[in-house]
Protein backbone atom coordinates (compact mmCIF):
# COMPACT_ATOMS: atom_id res chain seq x y z
CA MET A 1 -3.01 -3.63 -11.45
CA VAL A 2 -3.41 -6.42 -13.94
CA MET A 3 -5.78 -8.92 -12.33
CA GLY A 4 -8.12 -9.34 -9.40
CA HIS A 5 -11.23 -7.64 -8.06
CA ARG A 6 -12.11 -5.23 -5.32
CA LEU A 7 -12.70 -7.79 -2.84
CA LEU A 8 -9.62 -9.85 -3.35
CA ASN A 9 -7.58 -10.25 -0.09
CA ALA A 10 -10.07 -7.67 1.50
CA GLU A 11 -11.10 -10.28 4.35
CA PHE A 12 -8.14 -9.09 6.49
CA MET A 13 -9.89 -5.67 6.82
CA LEU A 14 -12.96 -7.00 8.34
CA SER A 15 -11.48 -7.36 11.77
CA TYR A 16 -10.46 -3.77 11.57
CA VAL A 17 -14.03 -2.64 10.68
CA GLU A 18 -15.46 -4.81 13.51
CA GLN A 19 -13.13 -3.88 16.32
CA PHE A 20 -12.77 -0.20 15.46
CA ASP A 21 -16.19 0.48 14.24
CA GLY A 22 -14.90 1.57 10.95
CA ILE A 23 -16.24 2.22 7.36
CA PHE A 24 -14.65 0.08 4.68
CA ALA A 25 -14.54 1.16 1.09
CA THR A 26 -12.81 -0.54 -1.80
CA VAL A 27 -12.40 0.57 -5.33
CA GLU A 28 -13.20 -1.63 -8.54
CA TYR A 29 -10.37 0.13 -10.34
CA ARG A 30 -9.70 -0.80 -14.02
CA VAL A 31 -6.79 -2.89 -14.68
CA ALA A 32 -3.90 -3.16 -17.43
CA PRO A 33 -3.32 -3.84 -20.13
CA GLN A 34 -6.74 -2.86 -21.33
CA TYR A 35 -6.43 0.17 -19.16
CA PRO A 36 -2.86 1.18 -18.76
CA ASP A 37 -1.38 3.96 -16.64
CA PRO A 38 -2.69 6.32 -15.31
CA VAL A 39 -6.13 4.65 -15.22
CA PRO A 40 -5.62 2.32 -12.14
CA VAL A 41 -4.23 4.95 -9.99
CA GLU A 42 -6.45 7.69 -11.07
CA ASP A 43 -9.65 5.31 -10.59
CA CYS A 44 -8.47 4.88 -6.95
CA TYR A 45 -7.85 8.51 -6.39
CA ALA A 46 -11.27 9.22 -7.64
CA GLY A 47 -12.50 6.70 -5.10
CA LEU A 48 -10.69 8.50 -2.39
CA VAL A 49 -12.26 12.00 -3.35
CA TRP A 50 -15.69 10.28 -3.26
CA LEU A 51 -15.12 8.69 0.08
CA ALA A 52 -13.78 11.76 1.73
CA SER A 53 -17.12 13.58 0.67
CA GLN A 54 -19.16 11.03 2.43
CA GLY A 55 -18.13 11.48 6.05
CA GLU A 56 -21.42 13.04 7.30
CA LYS A 57 -23.62 10.63 5.41
CA LEU A 58 -21.78 7.44 6.49
CA GLY A 59 -20.68 8.62 9.99
CA PHE A 60 -17.07 8.87 9.86
CA ASP A 61 -14.27 11.67 10.12
CA PRO A 62 -12.79 12.26 6.75
CA LYS A 63 -9.57 13.43 8.52
CA ARG A 64 -9.16 9.90 9.64
CA ILE A 65 -8.83 7.92 6.41
CA MET A 66 -6.46 5.09 6.28
CA ILE A 67 -5.51 3.82 2.80
CA VAL A 68 -4.45 0.10 2.65
CA GLY A 69 -3.28 -2.06 -0.20
CA THR A 70 -1.54 -5.39 -0.80
CA SER A 71 0.96 -6.22 -3.66
CA ALA A 72 0.10 -4.32 -6.75
CA GLY A 73 -2.70 -2.72 -4.77
CA ALA A 74 -0.15 -1.39 -2.14
CA GLY A 75 1.75 0.28 -4.99
CA ILE A 76 -1.55 1.91 -6.20
CA ALA A 77 -2.33 2.94 -2.54
CA ALA A 78 1.22 4.48 -2.31
CA GLY A 79 0.64 6.35 -5.66
CA VAL A 80 -2.71 7.60 -4.37
CA THR A 81 -1.04 8.87 -1.28
CA LEU A 82 1.51 10.71 -3.28
CA LEU A 83 -1.40 12.19 -5.58
CA ALA A 84 -3.18 13.30 -2.43
CA ARG A 85 -0.14 15.08 -1.06
CA ASP A 86 0.46 16.79 -4.39
CA ARG A 87 -2.96 17.68 -5.25
CA ALA A 88 -3.40 19.10 -1.56
CA GLY A 89 -6.03 16.41 -0.62
CA PRO A 90 -8.11 14.72 0.33
CA HIS A 91 -6.46 14.13 3.55
CA ILE A 92 -4.92 10.66 4.19
CA ALA A 93 -4.07 9.97 8.00
CA TRP A 94 -2.30 6.71 7.47
CA GLN A 95 -1.15 4.13 4.92
CA LEU A 96 -0.68 0.41 5.30
CA LEU A 97 1.33 -1.18 2.51
CA SER A 98 1.64 -4.93 2.57
CA GLY A 99 4.16 -6.53 0.18
CA PRO A 100 4.03 -3.38 -1.96
CA MET A 101 4.91 -3.41 -5.68
CA LEU A 102 6.79 -0.02 -5.94
CA ASP A 103 9.51 0.01 -8.65
CA ASP A 104 9.36 -0.83 -12.25
CA ARG A 105 13.01 -1.08 -12.70
CA ASN A 106 13.67 -4.57 -11.27
CA ALA A 107 17.22 -3.47 -10.26
CA THR A 108 17.33 -4.50 -6.50
CA ARG A 109 19.21 -7.45 -5.02
CA SER A 110 16.03 -9.10 -4.24
CA SER A 111 14.91 -8.78 -7.87
CA ARG A 112 18.15 -10.56 -8.89
CA GLN A 113 17.75 -13.25 -6.10
CA TYR A 114 14.10 -14.04 -7.16
CA GLU A 115 14.47 -13.79 -10.96
CA THR A 116 12.42 -17.03 -11.51
CA LEU A 117 11.71 -18.26 -8.10
CA GLY A 118 8.42 -17.79 -6.15
CA VAL A 119 4.79 -17.10 -6.68
CA TRP A 120 5.58 -13.74 -8.00
CA ASN A 121 9.13 -13.13 -9.23
CA ALA A 122 11.13 -10.70 -11.35
CA ASN A 123 9.85 -12.20 -14.54
CA SER A 124 6.11 -11.72 -13.31
CA ASN A 125 7.03 -8.26 -12.40
CA ARG A 126 8.42 -7.31 -15.76
CA THR A 127 5.27 -8.67 -17.42
CA ALA A 128 2.93 -6.83 -15.09
CA TRP A 129 4.89 -3.37 -15.42
CA GLY A 130 5.01 -3.78 -19.07
CA ALA A 131 1.33 -4.21 -19.28
CA LEU A 132 0.81 -1.16 -17.11
CA LEU A 133 3.61 1.15 -18.49
CA GLY A 134 4.19 -0.42 -22.06
CA LYS A 135 7.53 0.67 -23.73
CA ARG A 136 8.17 3.26 -20.86
CA SER A 137 8.63 0.56 -18.23
CA GLY A 138 12.16 0.79 -16.81
CA GLY A 139 12.78 3.92 -18.64
CA PRO A 140 13.15 7.52 -17.66
CA ASP A 141 9.62 8.68 -18.23
CA VAL A 142 7.69 6.93 -15.50
CA SER A 143 5.43 8.88 -13.12
CA ILE A 144 5.96 8.59 -9.39
CA TYR A 145 2.27 7.96 -9.10
CA ALA A 146 2.60 4.87 -11.34
CA ALA A 147 5.83 3.61 -9.49
CA PRO A 148 6.08 5.31 -6.15
CA ALA A 149 9.79 4.31 -5.71
CA ARG A 150 10.53 6.81 -8.53
CA ALA A 151 9.70 9.43 -5.98
CA LEU A 152 12.96 8.66 -4.16
CA ASP A 153 14.97 10.22 -7.00
CA THR A 154 12.98 13.63 -6.96
CA GLU A 155 14.01 16.58 -4.77
CA LEU A 156 10.83 16.37 -2.61
CA GLY A 157 11.24 12.63 -2.15
CA LEU A 158 8.90 11.04 0.17
CA ALA A 159 8.38 14.15 2.39
CA ASN A 160 5.07 14.91 3.93
CA LEU A 161 3.61 11.51 3.70
CA PRO A 162 1.38 10.08 6.52
CA PRO A 163 2.57 7.53 9.24
CA THR A 164 3.16 4.39 7.19
CA PHE A 165 3.22 0.67 7.87
CA ILE A 166 5.25 -1.39 5.47
CA ASP A 167 5.76 -5.25 5.65
CA VAL A 168 7.18 -7.72 3.19
CA GLY A 169 8.69 -11.14 3.32
CA SER A 170 12.50 -11.62 3.14
CA ALA A 171 12.11 -14.25 0.44
CA GLU A 172 10.32 -12.11 -2.19
CA VAL A 173 11.25 -9.85 -5.09
CA PHE A 174 9.68 -6.73 -3.36
CA ARG A 175 11.78 -7.03 -0.16
CA ASP A 176 14.47 -4.39 -1.14
CA GLU A 177 12.15 -1.83 -2.78
CA ALA A 178 9.90 -2.00 0.45
CA MET A 179 12.91 -1.36 2.41
CA ALA A 180 14.15 1.49 0.41
CA TYR A 181 10.53 3.09 0.52
CA ALA A 182 10.56 3.15 4.31
CA ASP A 183 14.17 4.50 4.34
CA GLY A 184 12.97 7.21 2.02
CA ILE A 185 10.28 8.17 4.38
CA TRP A 186 12.79 8.23 7.41
CA ALA A 187 15.11 10.35 5.39
CA LYS A 188 12.50 13.14 5.01
CA GLY A 189 11.68 12.99 8.81
CA GLY A 190 8.53 10.94 8.41
CA ARG A 191 7.17 7.91 10.38
CA ALA A 192 7.30 4.37 9.19
CA ASP A 193 7.08 1.02 10.60
CA LEU A 194 8.92 -1.60 8.62
CA HIS A 195 8.53 -5.24 9.24
CA ILE A 196 10.60 -7.89 7.33
CA TRP A 197 9.30 -11.32 7.91
CA ALA A 198 12.07 -13.84 7.76
CA GLY A 199 11.26 -16.70 5.32
CA GLY A 200 8.15 -15.11 4.11
CA PHE A 201 7.19 -15.34 0.34
CA HIS A 202 4.99 -12.93 -1.54
CA GLY A 203 1.52 -13.47 -0.28
CA PHE A 204 2.45 -15.59 2.60
CA ASP A 205 0.07 -13.79 4.84
CA MET A 206 -3.00 -14.90 2.63
CA TRP A 207 -2.38 -18.42 4.30
CA GLY A 208 -3.85 -17.25 7.52
CA TYR A 209 -2.99 -20.44 9.73
CA PRO A 210 0.82 -20.72 9.78
CA ARG A 211 2.38 -18.89 12.65
CA LEU A 212 4.32 -16.44 10.55
CA ALA A 213 1.02 -15.22 8.77
CA GLN A 214 -0.69 -14.91 12.27
CA GLU A 215 2.25 -12.95 13.52
CA ALA A 216 2.26 -10.59 10.45
CA LEU A 217 -1.53 -10.05 10.67
CA ALA A 218 -1.28 -9.31 14.42
CA ALA A 219 1.43 -6.86 13.76
CA ARG A 220 -0.63 -4.93 11.34
CA LEU A 221 -3.58 -4.98 13.65
CA ASN A 222 -1.60 -3.69 16.55
CA TRP A 223 -0.09 -0.84 14.42
CA VAL A 224 -3.64 0.04 13.25
CA ARG A 225 -4.76 0.27 17.00
CA ARG A 226 -1.92 2.31 17.89
CA MET A 227 -2.38 4.84 14.93
CA ILE A 228 -6.09 5.40 15.62
CA GLU A 229 -5.41 5.68 19.30
CA TRP A 230 -8.06 2.93 20.08
CA GLU A 231 -8.24 2.08 23.82
CA PRO A 232 -9.12 -1.64 24.01
CA LEU A 233 -10.02 -1.71 27.70
CA SER A 234 -12.57 0.94 27.36
CA GLY A 235 -13.50 0.35 23.88
CA VAL A 236 -13.41 3.98 22.77
CA PHE A 237 -11.08 6.16 20.87
CA ASN A 238 -8.71 8.23 22.92
CA VAL A 239 -9.38 11.13 20.58
CA PRO A 240 -12.93 10.79 19.33
CA TRP A 241 -14.03 12.51 16.07
CA ASN A 242 -17.49 13.67 17.20
């Protein structure tokens, strides 16, 4: 949203590509404040549109696209999924949101708990949302595609979303908005797996050696395997695409 590059924290995707013979695409989206909303989410949506058109060329089924994001990238991924729903495509089969930044309002209990504590806290959050949204941040005129938690306040809510994996640390500012997002999916009859990692701070999983990080990474991998119906013993998809 406001910093980083397209390969930041992408290394945890490599095991998915290797184990499941996948195609991995990542978007170098433009960041705020130089490029405020809606540029980041629209850049990523454009990347999705392009990727969905490349199935035959690259050898994958465009109906089996999983969108993945971490932190602000997870918020953008959630926004792209809402855009794809409301624009009738491209089809997203699954979404994986890790430590997602979903709500610009900073009104949750975890926002108050972590006002100044942690590697990313409520003060950091206000700065980033302000860079993306300017004076609209926290006000009534924020798009659901910029701050996906805003969709919870709409009539459609989080209906018609793909199966979703959400994980977050218990000791971070995004904890409660991640929980509310999963609950919003369930409220509309959708499928969501929610993992709250006790004691986890924002980005704890980037430190791949502690046991908690290893367990979080393993839980994601197991969910991905379950969603794509990969059969590890035979090494094939239960429902192949070709």
